[in-house]
Amino acid sequence: MAEKIFQPLELWFVTGSQHLYGPEALEQVAEDARQVAAALDASDALSVNVVFRPIVTTPDEIRRVCIEANSAENCIGIVAWMHTFSPAKMWIAGLSQLNKPLLQLHTQYGRDIPWGSIDMDFMNLHQTAHGGREFGFMGARLRIAHKVVVGHWQDPETIAEVDVWARAAAAWHDSKHMKIARFGDNMREVAVTEGDKVSAQIQFGYAVNGYGLGDLVPHVNGATEQQIDDLIEEYEHAYTLADPLKAGGDMRFALRDAAAIEIGIRSFLVEGRFKGYTDTFENLHGLKQLPGLPSQRLMADGYGFGGEGDWKTAALVRTMKFMAQGLAGGTSFMEDYTYHFSPDGMKVLGAHMLEICPSIADGKPNVEVHPLGIGGKADPVRLVFDVPAGPGLNATVIDLGDRFRMLVNTVDTVVPDAPLPKLPVARALWIPHPNLKVSAAAWMIAGGAHHTGFSQALTVQHLQDFAEMAGIEFALIDQSTTLYDFKNVLRWNDLYYHSTGLRGW
């Protein structure tokens, strides 16, 4: 068994029963539960360790395991299985105190009904069918947001569903330990990149703090010639350098400046244990160029990034990258930039001034240097590439004042209709679902930001599970969306949050 991607994080496997069935039956329940937990833990399809916990049969045992899970640093959630009937009043004290994500695995030890031998002893032992309903009622009664996965524990589809939730739980754990550094402020007069950082920390756990460029510049200036040489050698192996940036080229100095900025930002982030950052072209004092290549490469290493001071997107990109580890496809900061309104097929060209992550590149990126036109600094170095065709999604988190909303739009990434030889940025072309007219209208009606996290690795379910853990509103634009229904969903959501007075669940 390969080491789990999210080592050393753990899911605790907790099995409910009761003493009604006698010690012999409970021994069998414990043995079955131990085998199920071990099989899940051994599965290469599950990205988090699964730890068997002794079966629980009393309110005190349930309360203790929930309290222990709360305080266990590496425990990111509980997988609960009702092997038999476990009276749900026993779970009230424990579930009322549980503050880790909860998944109810509605399975049973034996896959099939043993038609020729089934008797009441078998029936009494294999009671998931109604034991799980009793547990589900208590989750609903306590209004505890939790995931329910139904299926046999050896079914690959069931394990895959558990892993989607487990990845969201791992990202939720990461969010609780996240720090975002802001170099400069938000782009002036822009609304959607603003927000309540205190509310965000209460809701998501991550902390956002600002730093002057004077805090960063000493790290940049401290980059040694040897460090710059070594990093440029890495560039030369990983990418195709434009002629002016090659050794002896007339813009080689710009590549060295970019390398120094990357070294400096990385040093600052590592020293401060940050997991993401923002910058803005309006605050560049002390930097020779806007960090293009450095931001692209830092994102590829898992850091979150947001342009123009957009800290909510920086945190979201980090969250999406963290939960997507080991999955095929990449994740990047993104922006809807311009439209193709052709009657033969409407499309969106996504890009940004510079900062698109090479994890979504189709092939080996080029390193180029071009004028930016804004910011008033030297021409910045950047990676230029297209994004491969395939399914993807765009996600954003916005602050509506009384709550946070996550908005997701599924897309089909497509190959550009023609080469883009004069567009010196990394770019993705996609057809949004259900179509450009409906998706764009729905996005704006919902207040979606112009910055997003774009992913060809994650599914809607990953983000929906995360939103539920975070207790925030979730709205989806996909193939089935109509504006009539979408507006009604937003109205119902608005009524719910205003009537409860909650920012989330």
Protein backbone atom coordinates (compact mmCIF):
# COMPACT_ATOMS: atom_id res chain seq x y z
CA MET A 1 0.00 0.00 0.00
CA ALA A 2 1.38 3.39 -1.02
CA GLU A 3 1.62 6.14 1.55
CA LYS A 4 -1.54 8.22 1.69
CA ILE A 5 -1.49 11.57 -0.11
CA PHE A 6 -2.68 13.44 2.97
CA GLN A 7 -0.27 11.82 5.40
CA PRO A 8 -0.52 12.03 8.45
CA LEU A 9 -4.18 13.06 8.42
CA GLU A 10 -6.73 10.52 9.64
CA LEU A 11 -10.40 9.63 9.40
CA TRP A 12 -11.73 7.86 12.48
CA PHE A 13 -13.97 4.88 11.71
CA VAL A 14 -16.64 4.72 14.43
CA THR A 15 -19.19 1.91 14.50
CA GLY A 16 -22.43 2.13 16.44
CA SER A 17 -24.27 -0.75 18.10
CA GLN A 18 -25.92 -1.52 21.45
CA HIS A 19 -25.84 -4.15 24.20
CA LEU A 20 -29.26 -5.56 23.29
CA TYR A 21 -27.70 -8.23 21.08
CA GLY A 22 -25.34 -9.75 23.65
CA PRO A 23 -21.53 -10.05 23.86
CA GLU A 24 -21.17 -12.60 21.07
CA ALA A 25 -22.92 -10.36 18.55
CA LEU A 26 -20.90 -7.34 19.67
CA GLU A 27 -17.68 -9.28 19.16
CA GLN A 28 -18.79 -10.00 15.61
CA VAL A 29 -19.72 -6.33 15.06
CA ALA A 30 -16.27 -5.27 16.26
CA GLU A 31 -14.50 -7.79 14.03
CA ASP A 32 -16.54 -6.78 10.98
CA ALA A 33 -15.92 -3.10 11.65
CA ARG A 34 -12.20 -3.73 12.04
CA GLN A 35 -12.12 -5.45 8.63
CA VAL A 36 -14.07 -2.66 6.92
CA ALA A 37 -11.82 0.03 8.39
CA ALA A 38 -8.69 -1.92 7.44
CA ALA A 39 -9.91 -2.41 3.87
CA LEU A 40 -10.66 1.29 3.47
CA ASP A 41 -7.29 2.19 4.91
CA ALA A 42 -5.54 -0.23 2.55
CA SER A 43 -7.32 1.10 -0.53
CA ASP A 44 -5.13 3.14 -2.88
CA ALA A 45 -8.32 4.91 -3.98
CA LEU A 46 -8.67 6.56 -0.57
CA SER A 47 -6.26 9.45 -0.02
CA VAL A 48 -6.52 9.68 3.79
CA ASN A 49 -5.61 7.20 6.52
CA VAL A 50 -8.56 5.37 8.09
CA VAL A 51 -8.19 4.53 11.78
CA PHE A 52 -10.40 1.92 13.43
CA ARG A 53 -11.90 3.00 16.73
CA PRO A 54 -13.54 0.60 19.24
CA ILE A 55 -17.26 0.18 18.65
CA VAL A 56 -19.53 2.45 20.66
CA THR A 57 -22.58 1.15 22.50
CA THR A 58 -23.36 3.78 25.16
CA PRO A 59 -23.85 7.55 25.28
CA ASP A 60 -20.64 7.98 27.29
CA GLU A 61 -18.56 6.04 24.76
CA ILE A 62 -20.00 8.09 21.91
CA ARG A 63 -19.43 11.39 23.70
CA ARG A 64 -15.84 10.47 24.55
CA VAL A 65 -14.89 9.50 21.00
CA CYS A 66 -16.38 12.74 19.63
CA ILE A 67 -14.48 14.84 22.18
CA GLU A 68 -11.27 12.93 21.42
CA ALA A 69 -11.79 13.51 17.70
CA ASN A 70 -12.22 17.24 18.32
CA SER A 71 -8.87 17.48 20.10
CA ALA A 72 -6.87 15.04 17.94
CA GLU A 73 -4.72 17.23 15.66
CA ASN A 74 -4.51 14.72 12.81
CA CYS A 75 -8.17 13.64 12.90
CA ILE A 76 -10.01 15.47 10.12
CA GLY A 77 -13.38 13.77 10.48
CA ILE A 78 -15.45 10.78 11.57
CA VAL A 79 -16.83 8.04 9.35
CA ALA A 80 -19.82 6.60 11.23
CA TRP A 81 -21.33 3.20 10.44
CA MET A 82 -24.39 1.73 12.10
CA HIS A 83 -23.64 -2.00 11.80
CA THR A 84 -26.73 -2.79 13.88
CA PHE A 85 -29.47 -0.63 15.30
CA SER A 86 -27.87 2.03 17.50
CA PRO A 87 -30.57 4.05 19.31
CA ALA A 88 -29.95 7.63 18.28
CA LYS A 89 -30.66 9.26 21.65
CA MET A 90 -27.29 7.78 22.62
CA TRP A 91 -25.65 10.01 19.98
CA ILE A 92 -27.09 13.35 21.11
CA ALA A 93 -24.35 14.30 23.59
CA GLY A 94 -21.54 13.29 21.26
CA LEU A 95 -22.87 14.75 18.00
CA SER A 96 -23.85 17.97 19.78
CA GLN A 97 -20.19 18.50 20.67
CA LEU A 98 -18.54 17.17 17.49
CA ASN A 99 -16.81 19.95 15.53
CA LYS A 100 -15.13 17.79 12.89
CA PRO A 101 -16.76 16.79 9.56
CA LEU A 102 -19.05 13.77 9.70
CA LEU A 103 -19.73 11.13 7.05
CA GLN A 104 -22.35 8.43 7.49
CA LEU A 105 -21.31 5.32 5.58
CA HIS A 106 -24.55 3.47 4.95
CA THR A 107 -23.18 0.03 4.17
CA GLN A 108 -23.36 -3.50 5.51
CA TYR A 109 -20.72 -6.14 6.02
CA GLY A 110 -22.15 -8.71 3.60
CA ARG A 111 -22.93 -7.43 0.13
CA ASP A 112 -25.72 -9.88 -0.77
CA ILE A 113 -28.66 -11.41 1.03
CA PRO A 114 -27.82 -15.10 1.68
CA TRP A 115 -31.12 -16.31 0.28
CA GLY A 116 -30.86 -19.94 1.34
CA SER A 117 -29.52 -19.44 4.87
CA ILE A 118 -30.82 -16.09 6.07
CA ASP A 119 -32.42 -16.29 9.53
CA MET A 120 -33.25 -13.93 12.39
CA ASP A 121 -29.72 -14.08 13.79
CA PHE A 122 -28.45 -12.72 10.49
CA MET A 123 -31.22 -10.12 10.42
CA ASN A 124 -30.44 -8.91 13.95
CA LEU A 125 -26.75 -8.54 13.18
CA HIS A 126 -27.06 -6.88 9.77
CA GLN A 127 -29.35 -3.96 10.58
CA THR A 128 -27.69 -1.11 8.72
CA ALA A 129 -30.83 -0.64 6.63
CA HIS A 130 -32.81 0.76 9.54
CA GLY A 131 -29.98 1.50 11.98
CA GLY A 132 -28.69 4.04 9.50
CA ARG A 133 -32.10 5.68 9.28
CA GLU A 134 -32.18 6.09 13.04
CA PHE A 135 -28.78 7.78 12.90
CA GLY A 136 -29.85 9.92 9.96
CA PHE A 137 -32.88 11.14 11.88
CA MET A 138 -30.69 12.42 14.69
CA GLY A 139 -28.45 14.23 12.23
CA ALA A 140 -31.53 15.95 10.82
CA ARG A 141 -33.00 16.61 14.27
CA LEU A 142 -29.77 18.25 15.46
CA ARG A 143 -29.39 20.02 12.09
CA ILE A 144 -25.87 18.66 11.69
CA ALA A 145 -24.59 19.04 8.16
CA HIS A 146 -23.11 15.69 7.21
CA LYS A 147 -22.42 13.55 4.17
CA VAL A 148 -24.22 10.26 3.52
CA VAL A 149 -22.58 7.69 1.23
CA VAL A 150 -24.65 4.61 0.36
CA GLY A 151 -23.15 1.41 -1.05
CA HIS A 152 -21.10 -1.64 -0.24
CA TRP A 153 -17.73 -0.89 1.34
CA GLN A 154 -15.88 -2.99 -1.27
CA ASP A 155 -17.51 -1.23 -4.23
CA PRO A 156 -14.98 1.09 -5.96
CA GLU A 157 -17.75 3.63 -6.57
CA THR A 158 -18.50 3.79 -2.85
CA ILE A 159 -14.82 4.23 -1.97
CA ALA A 160 -14.52 6.97 -4.60
CA GLU A 161 -17.45 8.85 -3.03
CA VAL A 162 -15.83 8.60 0.38
CA ASP A 163 -12.57 9.92 -1.06
CA VAL A 164 -14.26 13.00 -2.54
CA TRP A 165 -15.57 13.86 0.92
CA ALA A 166 -12.22 12.96 2.53
CA ARG A 167 -10.41 15.39 0.21
CA ALA A 168 -12.84 18.13 1.17
CA ALA A 169 -12.29 17.30 4.85
CA ALA A 170 -8.52 17.48 4.36
CA ALA A 171 -8.89 20.87 2.68
CA TRP A 172 -11.15 22.05 5.50
CA HIS A 173 -8.46 21.02 8.00
CA ASP A 174 -5.89 22.92 5.91
CA SER A 175 -8.12 26.01 5.84
CA LYS A 176 -8.15 26.05 9.63
CA HIS A 177 -4.35 26.36 9.56
CA MET A 178 -4.04 28.76 6.61
CA LYS A 179 -2.39 32.17 6.58
CA ILE A 180 -2.67 34.51 3.59
CA ALA A 181 -0.19 37.37 3.10
CA ARG A 182 -1.31 40.48 1.24
CA PHE A 183 1.41 42.56 -0.44
CA GLY A 184 -0.34 45.87 -0.92
CA ASP A 185 -4.09 46.42 -0.78
CA ASN A 186 -7.02 45.66 -3.03
CA MET A 187 -7.15 47.26 -6.43
CA ARG A 188 -8.62 50.71 -5.78
CA GLU A 189 -12.38 51.15 -6.08
CA VAL A 190 -12.97 47.45 -6.81
CA ALA A 191 -15.86 45.99 -4.79
CA VAL A 192 -15.91 42.22 -5.11
CA THR A 193 -12.33 41.67 -3.94
CA GLU A 194 -13.13 43.44 -0.68
CA GLY A 195 -14.71 41.58 2.22
CA ASP A 196 -14.83 41.04 5.96
CA LYS A 197 -11.61 39.31 6.98
CA VAL A 198 -12.81 38.76 10.54
CA SER A 199 -15.94 37.00 9.30
CA ALA A 200 -13.82 34.95 6.91
CA GLN A 201 -11.57 33.81 9.76
CA ILE A 202 -14.62 32.89 11.85
CA GLN A 203 -16.18 31.01 8.94
CA PHE A 204 -13.18 29.36 7.26
CA GLY A 205 -10.44 29.48 9.89
CA TYR A 206 -7.83 31.15 7.70
CA ALA A 207 -6.15 34.42 8.67
CA VAL A 208 -5.49 37.27 6.23
CA ASN A 209 -2.98 39.99 7.07
CA GLY A 210 -1.37 42.79 5.08
CA TYR A 211 2.35 43.50 4.63
CA GLY A 212 4.05 46.44 3.01
CA LEU A 213 6.31 45.98 0.04
CA GLY A 214 9.06 47.08 2.40
CA ASP A 215 8.58 43.79 4.26
CA LEU A 216 9.03 41.78 1.06
CA VAL A 217 11.76 43.71 -0.76
CA PRO A 218 14.60 42.73 1.65
CA HIS A 219 13.85 39.07 0.86
CA VAL A 220 14.05 39.84 -2.86
CA ASN A 221 17.24 41.84 -2.51
CA GLY A 222 18.70 39.07 -0.37
CA ALA A 223 18.63 36.56 -3.24
CA THR A 224 22.24 35.57 -3.97
CA GLU A 225 23.75 35.29 -7.43
CA GLN A 226 24.16 31.55 -6.88
CA GLN A 227 20.49 31.14 -5.93
CA ILE A 228 19.49 33.07 -9.05
CA ASP A 229 21.80 31.00 -11.25
CA ASP A 230 20.43 27.76 -9.82
CA LEU A 231 16.81 28.85 -10.32
CA ILE A 232 17.44 29.96 -13.90
CA GLU A 233 18.95 26.56 -14.61
CA GLU A 234 15.68 25.09 -13.34
CA TYR A 235 13.76 27.40 -15.70
CA GLU A 236 15.88 26.26 -18.63
CA HIS A 237 15.07 22.60 -17.97
CA ALA A 238 11.36 23.05 -17.26
CA TYR A 239 10.39 25.56 -19.97
CA THR A 240 11.25 26.83 -23.44
CA LEU A 241 12.93 30.22 -23.09
CA ALA A 242 12.35 32.93 -25.67
CA ASP A 243 15.57 34.02 -27.38
CA PRO A 244 15.87 37.38 -25.56
CA LEU A 245 15.82 35.50 -22.23
CA LYS A 246 18.46 32.94 -23.10
CA ALA A 247 22.07 33.33 -21.98
CA GLY A 248 23.48 36.33 -23.85
CA GLY A 249 20.01 37.60 -24.78
CA ASP A 250 19.27 41.29 -24.43
CA MET A 251 16.51 40.65 -21.83
CA ARG A 252 18.37 38.06 -19.76
CA PHE A 253 18.45 40.59 -16.91
CA ALA A 254 14.61 40.50 -16.77
CA LEU A 255 14.73 36.75 -16.17
CA ARG A 256 17.24 37.26 -13.37
CA ASP A 257 14.99 39.92 -11.85
CA ALA A 258 12.03 37.53 -11.99
CA ALA A 259 14.11 34.78 -10.36
CA ALA A 260 15.10 37.13 -7.54
CA ILE A 261 11.45 38.03 -6.97
CA GLU A 262 10.49 34.33 -6.86
CA ILE A 263 13.26 33.60 -4.38
CA GLY A 264 12.18 36.56 -2.25
CA ILE A 265 8.47 35.76 -2.20
CA ARG A 266 9.17 32.10 -1.47
CA SER A 267 11.50 33.07 1.36
CA PHE A 268 8.86 35.38 2.86
CA LEU A 269 6.11 32.74 2.61
CA VAL A 270 8.24 29.96 4.07
CA GLU A 271 9.52 32.13 6.92
CA GLY A 272 5.99 33.22 7.84
CA ARG A 273 4.41 29.80 7.16
CA PHE A 274 1.95 31.30 4.69
CA LYS A 275 -0.09 29.15 2.30
CA GLY A 276 -1.09 31.88 -0.13
CA TYR A 277 -0.68 35.52 -0.99
CA THR A 278 -1.96 38.42 -3.05
CA ASP A 279 -0.31 41.29 -4.86
CA THR A 280 -1.50 44.13 -7.08
CA PHE A 281 -0.03 46.11 -9.94
CA GLU A 282 -0.93 49.30 -8.04
CA ASN A 283 1.50 48.49 -5.22
CA LEU A 284 4.92 47.57 -6.64
CA HIS A 285 7.28 49.96 -4.87
CA GLY A 286 10.69 48.31 -4.62
CA LEU A 287 9.96 45.54 -7.16
CA LYS A 288 11.36 45.82 -10.66
CA GLN A 289 8.44 44.03 -12.28
CA LEU A 290 5.04 42.62 -11.37
CA PRO A 291 5.53 39.00 -10.22
CA GLY A 292 4.27 36.98 -13.17
CA LEU A 293 6.52 33.95 -13.51
CA PRO A 294 7.09 33.81 -9.71
CA SER A 295 3.35 33.69 -8.99
CA GLN A 296 2.79 31.05 -11.66
CA ARG A 297 5.49 28.82 -10.23
CA LEU A 298 4.47 29.30 -6.62
CA MET A 299 0.92 28.28 -7.53
CA ALA A 300 2.32 25.17 -9.19
CA ASP A 301 3.89 24.34 -5.83
CA GLY A 302 0.52 24.54 -4.08
CA TYR A 303 0.37 28.14 -2.91
CA GLY A 304 -2.86 30.08 -3.29
CA PHE A 305 -2.77 33.32 -5.27
CA GLY A 306 -5.13 36.21 -5.87
CA GLY A 307 -4.47 39.19 -8.13
CA GLU A 308 -5.35 42.77 -7.23
CA GLY A 309 -5.42 41.93 -3.53
CA ASP A 310 -8.13 39.29 -3.91
CA TRP A 311 -7.55 37.34 -0.69
CA LYS A 312 -10.77 35.29 -0.91
CA THR A 313 -9.66 33.84 -4.24
CA ALA A 314 -6.12 33.27 -2.96
CA ALA A 315 -7.56 31.17 -0.13
CA LEU A 316 -9.95 29.36 -2.47
CA VAL A 317 -7.18 28.51 -4.95
CA ARG A 318 -5.07 27.09 -2.09
CA THR A 319 -8.05 25.04 -0.87
CA MET A 320 -8.76 23.71 -4.36
CA LYS A 321 -5.11 22.86 -4.96
CA PHE A 322 -4.81 21.13 -1.61
CA MET A 323 -7.81 18.87 -2.09
CA ALA A 324 -6.80 18.07 -5.71
CA GLN A 325 -3.41 16.57 -4.79
CA GLY A 326 -2.75 13.39 -6.73
CA LEU A 327 -5.67 13.86 -9.12
CA ALA A 328 -5.22 14.20 -12.87
CA GLY A 329 -5.50 17.77 -14.13
CA GLY A 330 -4.47 21.10 -12.66
CA THR A 331 -5.93 24.06 -10.79
CA SER A 332 -5.25 27.77 -11.22
CA PHE A 333 -6.22 31.33 -10.46
CA MET A 334 -8.35 32.46 -13.41
CA GLU A 335 -10.47 35.25 -14.82
CA ASP A 336 -13.11 35.44 -17.54
CA TYR A 337 -11.35 37.87 -19.85
CA THR A 338 -13.17 38.16 -23.16
CA TYR A 339 -16.02 36.51 -25.07
CA HIS A 340 -16.40 34.82 -28.44
CA PHE A 341 -20.02 35.64 -29.35
CA SER A 342 -20.00 33.77 -32.64
CA PRO A 343 -23.39 32.25 -33.60
CA ASP A 344 -21.41 29.14 -34.54
CA GLY A 345 -20.49 28.61 -30.90
CA MET A 346 -20.11 31.06 -28.01
CA LYS A 347 -17.02 30.68 -25.83
CA VAL A 348 -15.09 32.36 -23.03
CA LEU A 349 -11.39 33.15 -23.20
CA GLY A 350 -10.00 32.90 -19.68
CA ALA A 351 -6.67 34.42 -18.74
CA HIS A 352 -5.11 37.05 -16.51
CA MET A 353 -2.44 39.67 -16.97
CA LEU A 354 0.25 37.15 -16.04
CA GLU A 355 -0.66 34.74 -13.28
CA ILE A 356 -2.05 31.44 -14.61
CA CYS A 357 -0.67 28.26 -13.06
CA PRO A 358 1.32 25.90 -15.34
CA SER A 359 -0.35 22.90 -13.69
CA ILE A 360 -3.06 23.39 -16.35
CA ALA A 361 -0.62 23.79 -19.27
CA ASP A 362 -0.97 21.70 -22.41
CA GLY A 363 2.64 20.74 -22.95
CA LYS A 364 5.84 22.60 -22.12
CA PRO A 365 5.22 26.32 -21.46
CA ASN A 366 7.21 29.09 -23.05
CA VAL A 367 8.95 31.74 -20.95
CA GLU A 368 8.53 35.16 -22.56
CA VAL A 369 8.88 38.83 -21.65
CA HIS A 370 6.48 41.50 -22.93
CA PRO A 371 5.25 44.94 -21.91
CA LEU A 372 2.32 44.93 -19.49
CA GLY A 373 0.93 48.40 -20.10
CA ILE A 374 -0.12 48.98 -16.47
CA GLY A 375 1.79 49.19 -13.22
CA GLY A 376 4.54 51.46 -14.44
CA LYS A 377 7.32 48.89 -14.00
CA ALA A 378 9.71 46.95 -16.22
CA ASP A 379 8.37 44.40 -18.71
CA PRO A 380 7.47 41.28 -16.69
CA VAL A 381 8.45 37.70 -17.45
CA ARG A 382 5.67 35.14 -17.73
CA LEU A 383 4.83 31.60 -18.83
CA VAL A 384 2.73 31.42 -21.99
CA PHE A 385 0.67 28.32 -22.84
CA ASP A 386 -2.74 26.96 -23.80
CA VAL A 387 -4.89 24.69 -21.64
CA PRO A 388 -5.86 21.20 -22.86
CA ALA A 389 -9.41 20.31 -23.83
CA GLY A 390 -11.58 18.54 -21.28
CA PRO A 391 -14.15 19.08 -18.54
CA GLY A 392 -13.49 21.69 -15.89
CA LEU A 393 -15.12 24.16 -13.55
CA ASN A 394 -14.81 27.70 -12.27
CA ALA A 395 -15.49 28.52 -8.62
CA THR A 396 -15.63 31.71 -6.61
CA VAL A 397 -16.38 32.75 -3.02
CA ILE A 398 -18.04 36.11 -2.43
CA ASP A 399 -18.96 38.02 0.72
CA LEU A 400 -22.60 39.12 0.60
CA GLY A 401 -22.43 40.90 3.93
CA ASP A 402 -24.65 38.50 5.85
CA ARG A 403 -23.00 35.32 4.54
CA PHE A 404 -20.46 33.86 2.14
CA ARG A 405 -21.59 32.27 -1.11
CA MET A 406 -19.66 29.74 -3.18
CA LEU A 407 -20.64 29.80 -6.84
CA VAL A 408 -19.55 27.06 -9.26
CA ASN A 409 -19.97 26.84 -13.04
CA THR A 410 -19.09 23.67 -14.93
CA VAL A 411 -17.41 24.11 -18.32
CA ASP A 412 -15.96 22.22 -21.26
CA THR A 413 -12.45 23.43 -22.05
CA VAL A 414 -11.82 23.42 -25.80
CA VAL A 415 -8.91 23.94 -28.17
CA PRO A 416 -8.69 27.53 -29.52
CA ASP A 417 -10.25 28.00 -32.94
CA ALA A 418 -6.96 29.40 -34.22
CA PRO A 419 -3.47 30.24 -32.92
CA LEU A 420 -3.07 33.31 -30.70
CA PRO A 421 0.42 34.49 -31.70
CA LYS A 422 0.01 38.05 -30.41
CA LEU A 423 -1.57 37.22 -27.02
CA PRO A 424 1.41 36.86 -24.64
CA VAL A 425 -0.40 35.25 -21.69
CA ALA A 426 -1.40 31.80 -20.54
CA ARG A 427 -5.01 31.21 -21.54
CA ALA A 428 -7.89 28.75 -21.45
CA LEU A 429 -10.85 28.62 -23.82
CA TRP A 430 -14.08 27.06 -22.61
CA ILE A 431 -17.78 26.63 -23.29
CA PRO A 432 -19.65 27.29 -20.05
CA HIS A 433 -22.67 25.21 -19.08
CA PRO A 434 -25.44 25.31 -20.07
CA ASN A 435 -24.34 28.02 -22.52
CA LEU A 436 -22.64 31.40 -22.38
CA LYS A 437 -25.84 33.45 -22.25
CA VAL A 438 -27.39 31.58 -19.33
CA SER A 439 -24.16 31.04 -17.41
CA ALA A 440 -23.03 34.66 -17.65
CA ALA A 441 -26.44 35.96 -16.63
CA ALA A 442 -26.70 33.52 -13.72
CA TRP A 443 -23.16 34.31 -12.57
CA MET A 444 -23.90 38.03 -12.44
CA ILE A 445 -27.30 37.56 -10.80
CA ALA A 446 -25.55 35.58 -8.07
CA GLY A 447 -22.87 38.26 -7.65
CA GLY A 448 -20.03 36.03 -8.78
CA ALA A 449 -16.55 37.58 -8.82
CA HIS A 450 -14.47 38.15 -11.95
CA HIS A 451 -11.66 36.09 -10.36
CA THR A 452 -12.11 32.34 -9.94
CA GLY A 453 -10.41 29.13 -9.12
CA PHE A 454 -10.33 27.08 -12.34
CA SER A 455 -9.83 23.33 -12.11
CA GLN A 456 -9.68 20.35 -14.43
CA ALA A 457 -9.01 18.06 -11.46
CA LEU A 458 -11.95 18.66 -9.12
CA THR A 459 -15.63 17.88 -9.49
CA VAL A 460 -18.63 19.84 -8.27
CA GLN A 461 -18.99 17.36 -5.41
CA HIS A 462 -15.56 18.19 -3.99
CA LEU A 463 -16.52 21.84 -3.67
CA GLN A 464 -20.07 21.18 -2.52
CA ASP A 465 -18.79 18.96 0.29
CA PHE A 466 -16.29 21.65 1.30
CA ALA A 467 -18.97 24.37 1.26
CA GLU A 468 -21.15 22.26 3.54
CA MET A 469 -18.28 21.74 5.98
CA ALA A 470 -17.63 25.49 5.96
CA GLY A 471 -21.31 26.23 6.50
CA ILE A 472 -21.60 28.54 3.51
CA GLU A 473 -24.17 28.89 0.76
CA PHE A 474 -23.51 26.87 -2.41
CA ALA A 475 -24.96 27.71 -5.83
CA LEU A 476 -24.36 25.71 -9.01
CA ILE A 477 -24.59 26.66 -12.67
CA ASP A 478 -24.45 23.52 -14.84
CA GLN A 479 -26.09 21.80 -17.81
CA SER A 480 -29.50 21.75 -16.13
CA THR A 481 -29.57 25.42 -15.08
CA THR A 482 -32.38 27.72 -16.19
CA LEU A 483 -32.49 31.34 -15.09
CA TYR A 484 -36.02 30.91 -13.71
CA ASP A 485 -35.04 28.06 -11.41
CA PHE A 486 -31.67 29.60 -10.53
CA LYS A 487 -33.26 32.85 -9.40
CA ASN A 488 -35.68 30.91 -7.24
CA VAL A 489 -32.85 28.93 -5.62
CA LEU A 490 -31.12 32.20 -4.72
CA ARG A 491 -34.37 33.58 -3.29
CA TRP A 492 -34.93 30.46 -1.18
CA ASN A 493 -31.34 30.59 0.04
CA ASP A 494 -31.72 34.26 0.90
CA LEU A 495 -34.87 33.53 2.87
CA TYR A 496 -33.14 30.75 4.78
CA TYR A 497 -30.12 32.81 5.80
CA HIS A 498 -32.19 35.85 6.74
CA SER A 499 -34.72 33.80 8.73
CA THR A 500 -32.03 31.96 10.67
CA GLY A 501 -29.74 34.93 11.10
CA LEU A 502 -26.80 32.66 10.32
CA ARG A 503 -23.82 33.22 8.05
CA GLY A 504 -23.85 29.49 7.41
CA TRP A 505 -25.34 26.21 8.61
